[in-house]
Amino acid sequence: FNGLIKNNPTAAFIFELLKKEQTEDSIVNAMLDKYEVDEET
């Protein structure tokens, strides 16, 4: 990959999580803890 990825705050949060081993569920749970949004979204 040769480029730059500009992240919004939500994507930046996910990138930080992905610096350590994660599952989709662990990321979803971290997002639910941080933001007021429904799980399906």
All heavy atoms as atom14 arrays in JSON, in Angstrom:
{
  "sequence": "FNGLIKNNPTAAFIFELLKKEQTEDSIVNAMLDKYEVDEET",
  "atom14_mask": [
    [1, 1, 1, 1, 1, 1, 1, 1, 1, 1, 1, 0, 0, 0],
    [1, 1, 1, 1, 1, 1, 1, 1, 0, 0, 0, 0, 0, 0],
    [1, 1, 1, 1, 0, 0, 0, 0, 0, 0, 0, 0, 0, 0],
    [1, 1, 1, 1, 1, 1, 1, 1, 0, 0, 0, 0, 0, 0],
    [1, 1, 1, 1, 1, 1, 1, 1, 0, 0, 0, 0, 0, 0],
    [1, 1, 1, 1, 1, 1, 1, 1, 1, 0, 0, 0, 0, 0],
    [1, 1, 1, 1, 1, 1, 1, 1, 0, 0, 0, 0, 0, 0],
    [1, 1, 1, 1, 1, 1, 1, 1, 0, 0, 0, 0, 0, 0],
    [1, 1, 1, 1, 1, 1, 1, 0, 0, 0, 0, 0, 0, 0],
    [1, 1, 1, 1, 1, 1, 1, 0, 0, 0, 0, 0, 0, 0],
    [1, 1, 1, 1, 1, 0, 0, 0, 0, 0, 0, 0, 0, 0],
    [1, 1, 1, 1, 1, 0, 0, 0, 0, 0, 0, 0, 0, 0],
    [1, 1, 1, 1, 1, 1, 1, 1, 1, 1, 1, 0, 0, 0],
    [1, 1, 1, 1, 1, 1, 1, 1, 0, 0, 0, 0, 0, 0],
    [1, 1, 1, 1, 1, 1, 1, 1, 1, 1, 1, 0, 0, 0],
    [1, 1, 1, 1, 1, 1, 1, 1, 1, 0, 0, 0, 0, 0],
    [1, 1, 1, 1, 1, 1, 1, 1, 0, 0, 0, 0, 0, 0],
    [1, 1, 1, 1, 1, 1, 1, 1, 0, 0, 0, 0, 0, 0],
    [1, 1, 1, 1, 1, 1, 1, 1, 1, 0, 0, 0, 0, 0],
    [1, 1, 1, 1, 1, 1, 1, 1, 1, 0, 0, 0, 0, 0],
    [1, 1, 1, 1, 1, 1, 1, 1, 1, 0, 0, 0, 0, 0],
    [1, 1, 1, 1, 1, 1, 1, 1, 1, 0, 0, 0, 0, 0],
    [1, 1, 1, 1, 1, 1, 1, 0, 0, 0, 0, 0, 0, 0],
    [1, 1, 1, 1, 1, 1, 1, 1, 1, 0, 0, 0, 0, 0],
    [1, 1, 1, 1, 1, 1, 1, 1, 0, 0, 0, 0, 0, 0],
    [1, 1, 1, 1, 1, 1, 0, 0, 0, 0, 0, 0, 0, 0],
    [1, 1, 1, 1, 1, 1, 1, 1, 0, 0, 0, 0, 0, 0],
    [1, 1, 1, 1, 1, 1, 1, 0, 0, 0, 0, 0, 0, 0],
    [1, 1, 1, 1, 1, 1, 1, 1, 0, 0, 0, 0, 0, 0],
    [1, 1, 1, 1, 1, 0, 0, 0, 0, 0, 0, 0, 0, 0],
    [1, 1, 1, 1, 1, 1, 1, 1, 0, 0, 0, 0, 0, 0],
    [1, 1, 1, 1, 1, 1, 1, 1, 0, 0, 0, 0, 0, 0],
    [1, 1, 1, 1, 1, 1, 1, 1, 0, 0, 0, 0, 0, 0],
    [1, 1, 1, 1, 1, 1, 1, 1, 1, 0, 0, 0, 0, 0],
    [1, 1, 1, 1, 1, 1, 1, 1, 1, 1, 1, 1, 0, 0],
    [1, 1, 1, 1, 1, 1, 1, 1, 1, 0, 0, 0, 0, 0],
    [1, 1, 1, 1, 1, 1, 1, 0, 0, 0, 0, 0, 0, 0],
    [1, 1, 1, 1, 1, 1, 1, 1, 0, 0, 0, 0, 0, 0],
    [1, 1, 1, 1, 1, 1, 1, 1, 1, 0, 0, 0, 0, 0],
    [1, 1, 1, 1, 1, 1, 1, 1, 1, 0, 0, 0, 0, 0],
    [1, 1, 1, 1, 1, 1, 1, 0, 0, 0, 0, 0, 0, 0]
  ],
  "atom14_positions": [
    [[0.85, -1.19, 0.0], [0.0, 0.0, 0.0], [0.88, 1.23, 0.0], [1.67, 1.44, 0.92], [-0.92, 0.02, 1.22], [-1.83, 1.22, 1.23], [-2.99, 1.22, 0.48], [-1.52, 2.35, 1.97], [-3.83, 2.32, 0.47], [-2.36, 3.45, 1.97], [-3.51, 3.44, 1.22], [0.0, 0.0, 0.0], [0.0, 0.0, 0.0], [0.0, 0.0, 0.0]],
    [[0.74, 2.04, -1.03], [1.54, 3.24, -1.15], [0.6, 4.43, -1.17], [0.06, 4.79, -2.2], [2.39, 3.19, -2.42], [3.36, 4.34, -2.49], [3.5, 5.1, -1.56], [4.02, 4.46, -3.62], [0.0, 0.0, 0.0], [0.0, 0.0, 0.0], [0.0, 0.0, 0.0], [0.0, 0.0, 0.0], [0.0, 0.0, 0.0], [0.0, 0.0, 0.0]],
    [[0.36, 5.0, -0.02], [-0.56, 6.12, 0.04], [-0.76, 6.58, 1.46], [-0.12, 6.11, 2.4], [0.0, 0.0, 0.0], [0.0, 0.0, 0.0], [0.0, 0.0, 0.0], [0.0, 0.0, 0.0], [0.0, 0.0, 0.0], [0.0, 0.0, 0.0], [0.0, 0.0, 0.0], [0.0, 0.0, 0.0], [0.0, 0.0, 0.0], [0.0, 0.0, 0.0]],
    [[-1.69, 7.49, 1.61], [-2.03, 8.08, 2.9], [-3.52, 7.89, 3.12], [-4.32, 8.09, 2.2], [-1.7, 9.59, 2.88], [-2.14, 10.38, 4.09], [-1.07, 10.28, 5.18], [-2.35, 11.82, 3.71], [0.0, 0.0, 0.0], [0.0, 0.0, 0.0], [0.0, 0.0, 0.0], [0.0, 0.0, 0.0], [0.0, 0.0, 0.0], [0.0, 0.0, 0.0]],
    [[-3.88, 7.47, 4.31], [-5.29, 7.29, 4.66], [-5.64, 8.38, 5.66], [-5.06, 8.46, 6.74], [-5.55, 5.92, 5.29], [-5.13, 4.82, 4.33], [-7.02, 5.79, 5.7], [-5.05, 3.46, 4.98], [0.0, 0.0, 0.0], [0.0, 0.0, 0.0], [0.0, 0.0, 0.0], [0.0, 0.0, 0.0], [0.0, 0.0, 0.0], [0.0, 0.0, 0.0]],
    [[-6.57, 9.24, 5.28], [-7.05, 10.27, 6.2], [-8.26, 9.7, 6.93], [-9.22, 9.26, 6.31], [-7.44, 11.53, 5.43], [-7.85, 12.66, 6.33], [-8.18, 13.9, 5.53], [-8.74, 14.95, 6.47], [-9.38, 16.03, 5.74], [0.0, 0.0, 0.0], [0.0, 0.0, 0.0], [0.0, 0.0, 0.0], [0.0, 0.0, 0.0], [0.0, 0.0, 0.0]],
    [[-8.18, 9.67, 8.26], [-9.22, 9.06, 9.08], [-10.08, 10.1, 9.77], [-9.56, 11.09, 10.29], [-8.6, 8.17, 10.16], [-8.0, 6.92, 9.58], [-8.55, 6.33, 8.66], [-6.86, 6.5, 10.11], [0.0, 0.0, 0.0], [0.0, 0.0, 0.0], [0.0, 0.0, 0.0], [0.0, 0.0, 0.0], [0.0, 0.0, 0.0], [0.0, 0.0, 0.0]],
    [[-11.38, 9.84, 9.8], [-12.25, 10.64, 10.67], [-12.05, 10.13, 12.09], [-11.35, 9.13, 12.31], [-13.71, 10.57, 10.19], [-14.32, 9.19, 10.3], [-13.91, 8.35, 11.11], [-15.31, 8.92, 9.48], [0.0, 0.0, 0.0], [0.0, 0.0, 0.0], [0.0, 0.0, 0.0], [0.0, 0.0, 0.0], [0.0, 0.0, 0.0], [0.0, 0.0, 0.0]],
    [[-12.61, 10.8, 13.1], [-12.36, 10.36, 14.49], [-12.76, 8.92, 14.78], [-12.07, 8.22, 15.52], [-13.2, 11.34, 15.31], [-13.27, 12.58, 14.47], [-13.34, 12.07, 13.06], [0.0, 0.0, 0.0], [0.0, 0.0, 0.0], [0.0, 0.0, 0.0], [0.0, 0.0, 0.0], [0.0, 0.0, 0.0], [0.0, 0.0, 0.0], [0.0, 0.0, 0.0]],
    [[-13.82, 8.45, 14.17], [-14.26, 7.07, 14.39], [-13.26, 6.08, 13.81], [-12.86, 5.12, 14.46], [-15.66, 6.84, 13.78], [-16.56, 7.81, 14.31], [-16.17, 5.46, 14.09], [0.0, 0.0, 0.0], [0.0, 0.0, 0.0], [0.0, 0.0, 0.0], [0.0, 0.0, 0.0], [0.0, 0.0, 0.0], [0.0, 0.0, 0.0], [0.0, 0.0, 0.0]],
    [[-12.83, 6.32, 12.58], [-11.85, 5.43, 11.96], [-10.52, 5.49, 12.7], [-9.86, 4.46, 12.88], [-11.66, 5.8, 10.49], [0.0, 0.0, 0.0], [0.0, 0.0, 0.0], [0.0, 0.0, 0.0], [0.0, 0.0, 0.0], [0.0, 0.0, 0.0], [0.0, 0.0, 0.0], [0.0, 0.0, 0.0], [0.0, 0.0, 0.0], [0.0, 0.0, 0.0]],
    [[-10.14, 6.67, 13.17], [-8.9, 6.81, 13.94], [-8.96, 5.97, 15.21], [-7.98, 5.32, 15.59], [-8.64, 8.28, 14.27], [0.0, 0.0, 0.0], [0.0, 0.0, 0.0], [0.0, 0.0, 0.0], [0.0, 0.0, 0.0], [0.0, 0.0, 0.0], [0.0, 0.0, 0.0], [0.0, 0.0, 0.0], [0.0, 0.0, 0.0], [0.0, 0.0, 0.0]],
    [[-10.12, 5.95, 15.86], [-10.31, 5.13, 17.06], [-10.14, 3.65, 16.73], [-9.46, 2.91, 17.45], [-11.7, 5.41, 17.65], [-12.01, 4.62, 18.88], [-11.35, 4.84, 20.08], [-12.99, 3.64, 18.85], [-11.64, 4.1, 21.22], [-13.3, 2.89, 19.98], [-12.62, 3.12, 21.17], [0.0, 0.0, 0.0], [0.0, 0.0, 0.0], [0.0, 0.0, 0.0]],
    [[-10.72, 3.22, 15.62], [-10.6, 1.81, 15.21], [-9.16, 1.48, 14.86], [-8.66, 0.42, 15.24], [-11.57, 1.5, 14.05], [-13.01, 1.61, 14.55], [-11.29, 0.11, 13.47], [-14.06, 1.52, 13.46], [0.0, 0.0, 0.0], [0.0, 0.0, 0.0], [0.0, 0.0, 0.0], [0.0, 0.0, 0.0], [0.0, 0.0, 0.0], [0.0, 0.0, 0.0]],
    [[-8.47, 2.37, 14.18], [-7.06, 2.13, 13.86], [-6.25, 1.96, 15.14], [-5.37, 1.1, 15.21], [-6.49, 3.28, 13.02], [-6.56, 3.05, 11.54], [-7.76, 3.17, 10.86], [-5.43, 2.72, 10.82], [-7.83, 2.97, 9.5], [-5.48, 2.51, 9.45], [-6.69, 2.63, 8.79], [0.0, 0.0, 0.0], [0.0, 0.0, 0.0], [0.0, 0.0, 0.0]],
    [[-6.53, 2.78, 16.14], [-5.81, 2.65, 17.43], [-6.1, 1.29, 18.06], [-5.19, 0.65, 18.59], [-6.18, 3.78, 18.38], [-5.62, 5.12, 17.97], [-4.1, 5.12, 17.81], [-3.4, 4.65, 18.72], [-3.62, 5.58, 16.76], [0.0, 0.0, 0.0], [0.0, 0.0, 0.0], [0.0, 0.0, 0.0], [0.0, 0.0, 0.0], [0.0, 0.0, 0.0]],
    [[-7.34, 0.85, 18.01], [-7.68, -0.47, 18.54], [-6.93, -1.57, 17.81], [-6.46, -2.53, 18.41], [-9.2, -0.73, 18.41], [-10.12, 0.1, 19.28], [-11.58, -0.15, 18.88], [-9.91, -0.21, 20.76], [0.0, 0.0, 0.0], [0.0, 0.0, 0.0], [0.0, 0.0, 0.0], [0.0, 0.0, 0.0], [0.0, 0.0, 0.0], [0.0, 0.0, 0.0]],
    [[-6.79, -1.41, 16.5], [-6.16, -2.43, 15.68], [-4.64, -2.5, 15.82], [-4.0, -3.34, 15.21], [-6.53, -2.24, 14.2], [-7.96, -2.64, 13.84], [-8.32, -2.15, 12.45], [-8.13, -4.16, 13.95], [0.0, 0.0, 0.0], [0.0, 0.0, 0.0], [0.0, 0.0, 0.0], [0.0, 0.0, 0.0], [0.0, 0.0, 0.0], [0.0, 0.0, 0.0]],
    [[-4.08, -1.66, 16.65], [-2.65, -1.77, 16.93], [-2.37, -3.01, 17.77], [-1.25, -3.5, 17.81], [-2.14, -0.52, 17.63], [-2.05, 0.67, 16.69], [-1.5, 1.87, 17.39], [-1.35, 3.04, 16.42], [-0.77, 4.21, 17.08], [0.0, 0.0, 0.0], [0.0, 0.0, 0.0], [0.0, 0.0, 0.0], [0.0, 0.0, 0.0], [0.0, 0.0, 0.0]],
    [[-3.42, -3.5, 18.45], [-3.34, -4.75, 19.2], [-4.35, -5.71, 18.61], [-5.32, -5.3, 17.96], [-3.66, -4.51, 20.68], [-2.65, -3.64, 21.37], [-2.96, -3.52, 22.84], [-1.89, -2.66, 23.5], [-2.19, -2.48, 24.92], [0.0, 0.0, 0.0], [0.0, 0.0, 0.0], [0.0, 0.0, 0.0], [0.0, 0.0, 0.0], [0.0, 0.0, 0.0]],
    [[-4.15, -6.98, 18.84], [-5.04, -8.02, 18.31], [-6.49, -7.74, 18.72], [-6.77, -7.48, 19.9], [-4.59, -9.39, 18.83], [-5.3, -10.54, 18.21], [-4.98, -10.72, 16.73], [-3.84, -10.43, 16.31], [-5.87, -11.17, 15.99], [0.0, 0.0, 0.0], [0.0, 0.0, 0.0], [0.0, 0.0, 0.0], [0.0, 0.0, 0.0], [0.0, 0.0, 0.0]],
    [[-7.38, -7.79, 17.76], [-8.8, -7.52, 17.98], [-9.64, -8.52, 17.21], [-9.18, -9.13, 16.24], [-9.17, -6.11, 17.5], [-8.46, -4.97, 18.16], [-8.88, -4.75, 19.59], [-10.03, -5.02, 19.98], [-7.96, -4.28, 20.41], [0.0, 0.0, 0.0], [0.0, 0.0, 0.0], [0.0, 0.0, 0.0], [0.0, 0.0, 0.0], [0.0, 0.0, 0.0]],
    [[-10.89, -8.62, 17.61], [-11.9, -9.33, 16.82], [-12.92, -8.28, 16.39], [-12.96, -7.17, 16.94], [-12.61, -10.42, 17.64], [-13.33, -9.79, 18.71], [-11.63, -11.45, 18.18], [0.0, 0.0, 0.0], [0.0, 0.0, 0.0], [0.0, 0.0, 0.0], [0.0, 0.0, 0.0], [0.0, 0.0, 0.0], [0.0, 0.0, 0.0], [0.0, 0.0, 0.0]],
    [[-13.75, -8.64, 15.45], [-14.82, -7.72, 15.06], [-15.67, -7.38, 16.29], [-16.03, -6.23, 16.5], [-15.67, -8.33, 13.96], [-16.78, -7.41, 13.48], [-17.61, -8.0, 12.36], [-17.02, -8.56, 11.42], [-18.85, -7.89, 12.45], [0.0, 0.0, 0.0], [0.0, 0.0, 0.0], [0.0, 0.0, 0.0], [0.0, 0.0, 0.0], [0.0, 0.0, 0.0]],
    [[-15.99, -8.4, 17.09], [-16.81, -8.18, 18.28], [-16.14, -7.24, 19.28], [-16.82, -6.4, 19.88], [-17.15, -9.5, 18.97], [-18.18, -10.31, 18.2], [-18.94, -9.73, 17.38], [-18.25, -11.53, 18.42], [0.0, 0.0, 0.0], [0.0, 0.0, 0.0], [0.0, 0.0, 0.0], [0.0, 0.0, 0.0], [0.0, 0.0, 0.0], [0.0, 0.0, 0.0]],
    [[-14.84, -7.38, 19.48], [-14.17, -6.5, 20.45], [-14.17, -5.05, 19.97], [-14.32, -4.13, 20.78], [-12.74, -6.98, 20.74], [-11.89, -6.83, 19.62], [0.0, 0.0, 0.0], [0.0, 0.0, 0.0], [0.0, 0.0, 0.0], [0.0, 0.0, 0.0], [0.0, 0.0, 0.0], [0.0, 0.0, 0.0], [0.0, 0.0, 0.0], [0.0, 0.0, 0.0]],
    [[-14.06, -4.85, 18.66], [-14.12, -3.49, 18.12], [-15.53, -2.93, 18.27], [-15.72, -1.79, 18.69], [-13.66, -3.47, 16.65], [-12.19, -3.87, 16.55], [-13.9, -2.09, 16.03], [-11.7, -4.14, 15.14], [0.0, 0.0, 0.0], [0.0, 0.0, 0.0], [0.0, 0.0, 0.0], [0.0, 0.0, 0.0], [0.0, 0.0, 0.0], [0.0, 0.0, 0.0]],
    [[-16.53, -3.73, 17.93], [-17.92, -3.3, 18.07], [-18.21, -2.93, 19.53], [-18.8, -1.88, 19.81], [-18.9, -4.39, 17.57], [-20.33, -4.1, 17.99], [-18.79, -4.54, 16.06], [0.0, 0.0, 0.0], [0.0, 0.0, 0.0], [0.0, 0.0, 0.0], [0.0, 0.0, 0.0], [0.0, 0.0, 0.0], [0.0, 0.0, 0.0], [0.0, 0.0, 0.0]],
    [[-17.78, -3.76, 20.46], [-18.03, -3.47, 21.88], [-17.33, -2.2, 22.33], [-17.91, -1.4, 23.09], [-17.61, -4.65, 22.75], [-18.53, -5.84, 22.59], [-19.72, -5.68, 22.31], [-18.0, -7.03, 22.74], [0.0, 0.0, 0.0], [0.0, 0.0, 0.0], [0.0, 0.0, 0.0], [0.0, 0.0, 0.0], [0.0, 0.0, 0.0], [0.0, 0.0, 0.0]],
    [[-16.11, -1.97, 21.87], [-15.4, -0.73, 22.21], [-16.13, 0.48, 21.64], [-16.22, 1.53, 22.29], [-13.97, -0.79, 21.69], [0.0, 0.0, 0.0], [0.0, 0.0, 0.0], [0.0, 0.0, 0.0], [0.0, 0.0, 0.0], [0.0, 0.0, 0.0], [0.0, 0.0, 0.0], [0.0, 0.0, 0.0], [0.0, 0.0, 0.0], [0.0, 0.0, 0.0]],
    [[-16.65, 0.35, 20.44], [-17.4, 1.44, 19.82], [-18.69, 1.72, 20.58], [-19.06, 2.87, 20.79], [-17.72, 1.1, 18.36], [-16.51, 0.94, 17.47], [-15.71, 2.48, 17.11], [-16.92, 3.2, 16.04], [0.0, 0.0, 0.0], [0.0, 0.0, 0.0], [0.0, 0.0, 0.0], [0.0, 0.0, 0.0], [0.0, 0.0, 0.0], [0.0, 0.0, 0.0]],
    [[-19.37, 0.65, 20.99], [-20.61, 0.83, 21.76], [-20.34, 1.51, 23.1], [-21.16, 2.29, 23.58], [-21.31, -0.52, 21.97], [-21.91, -1.15, 20.71], [-22.37, -2.57, 21.01], [-23.06, -0.3, 20.18], [0.0, 0.0, 0.0], [0.0, 0.0, 0.0], [0.0, 0.0, 0.0], [0.0, 0.0, 0.0], [0.0, 0.0, 0.0], [0.0, 0.0, 0.0]],
    [[-19.19, 1.22, 23.7], [-18.81, 1.86, 24.96], [-18.48, 3.34, 24.76], [-18.74, 4.17, 25.62], [-17.6, 1.18, 25.59], [-17.93, -0.19, 26.16], [-19.12, -0.49, 26.37], [-16.98, -0.97, 26.4], [0.0, 0.0, 0.0], [0.0, 0.0, 0.0], [0.0, 0.0, 0.0], [0.0, 0.0, 0.0], [0.0, 0.0, 0.0], [0.0, 0.0, 0.0]],
    [[-17.93, 3.68, 23.62], [-17.46, 5.05, 23.37], [-18.56, 5.96, 22.79], [-18.63, 7.13, 23.13], [-16.27, 5.03, 22.42], [-15.66, 6.4, 22.18], [-14.34, 6.29, 21.48], [-13.73, 7.64, 21.16], [-13.17, 8.32, 22.31], [0.0, 0.0, 0.0], [0.0, 0.0, 0.0], [0.0, 0.0, 0.0], [0.0, 0.0, 0.0], [0.0, 0.0, 0.0]],
    [[-19.39, 5.41, 21.92], [-20.38, 6.22, 21.21], [-21.79, 5.76, 21.53], [-22.03, 4.59, 21.78], [-20.16, 6.11, 19.69], [-18.8, 6.58, 19.24], [-17.8, 5.66, 18.91], [-18.51, 7.93, 19.13], [-16.55, 6.09, 18.49], [-17.26, 8.37, 18.7], [-16.28, 7.44, 18.39], [-15.05, 7.85, 17.98], [0.0, 0.0, 0.0], [0.0, 0.0, 0.0]],
    [[-22.72, 6.68, 21.47], [-24.13, 6.35, 21.65], [-24.74, 6.04, 20.29], [-25.17, 6.93, 19.57], [-24.87, 7.51, 22.31], [-24.54, 7.67, 23.77], [-25.43, 8.66, 24.46], [-26.6, 8.82, 24.06], [-24.95, 9.26, 25.42], [0.0, 0.0, 0.0], [0.0, 0.0, 0.0], [0.0, 0.0, 0.0], [0.0, 0.0, 0.0], [0.0, 0.0, 0.0]],
    [[-24.72, 4.77, 19.96], [-25.23, 4.31, 18.67], [-25.68, 2.87, 18.84], [-25.22, 2.17, 19.74], [-24.14, 4.47, 17.58], [-22.97, 3.57, 17.85], [-24.7, 4.28, 16.2], [0.0, 0.0, 0.0], [0.0, 0.0, 0.0], [0.0, 0.0, 0.0], [0.0, 0.0, 0.0], [0.0, 0.0, 0.0], [0.0, 0.0, 0.0], [0.0, 0.0, 0.0]],
    [[-26.59, 2.45, 17.97], [-27.09, 1.08, 18.1], [-26.09, 0.08, 17.52], [-25.29, 0.4, 16.64], [-28.46, 0.94, 17.42], [-28.38, 1.16, 15.93], [-28.34, 2.34, 15.5], [-28.34, 0.15, 15.19], [0.0, 0.0, 0.0], [0.0, 0.0, 0.0], [0.0, 0.0, 0.0], [0.0, 0.0, 0.0], [0.0, 0.0, 0.0], [0.0, 0.0, 0.0]],
    [[-26.17, -1.14, 18.02], [-25.21, -2.18, 17.63], [-25.27, -2.5, 16.15], [-24.24, -2.72, 15.51], [-25.43, -3.45, 18.44], [-24.41, -4.51, 18.13], [-24.53, -5.75, 18.99], [-25.25, -5.74, 19.99], [-23.87, -6.75, 18.63], [0.0, 0.0, 0.0], [0.0, 0.0, 0.0], [0.0, 0.0, 0.0], [0.0, 0.0, 0.0], [0.0, 0.0, 0.0]],
    [[-26.45, -2.53, 15.56], [-26.58, -2.86, 14.15], [-25.8, -1.86, 13.27], [-25.09, -2.26, 12.36], [-28.06, -2.86, 13.74], [-28.28, -3.26, 12.3], [-29.76, -3.28, 11.93], [-30.62, -3.38, 12.82], [-30.03, -3.19, 10.72], [0.0, 0.0, 0.0], [0.0, 0.0, 0.0], [0.0, 0.0, 0.0], [0.0, 0.0, 0.0], [0.0, 0.0, 0.0]],
    [[-25.92, -0.58, 13.58], [-25.2, 0.45, 12.83], [-23.71, 0.31, 13.02], [-22.93, 0.36, 12.05], [-25.67, 1.85, 13.26], [-27.07, 1.97, 13.01], [-24.93, 2.94, 12.52], [0.0, 0.0, 0.0], [0.0, 0.0, 0.0], [0.0, 0.0, 0.0], [0.0, 0.0, 0.0], [0.0, 0.0, 0.0], [0.0, 0.0, 0.0], [0.0, 0.0, 0.0]]
  ]
}
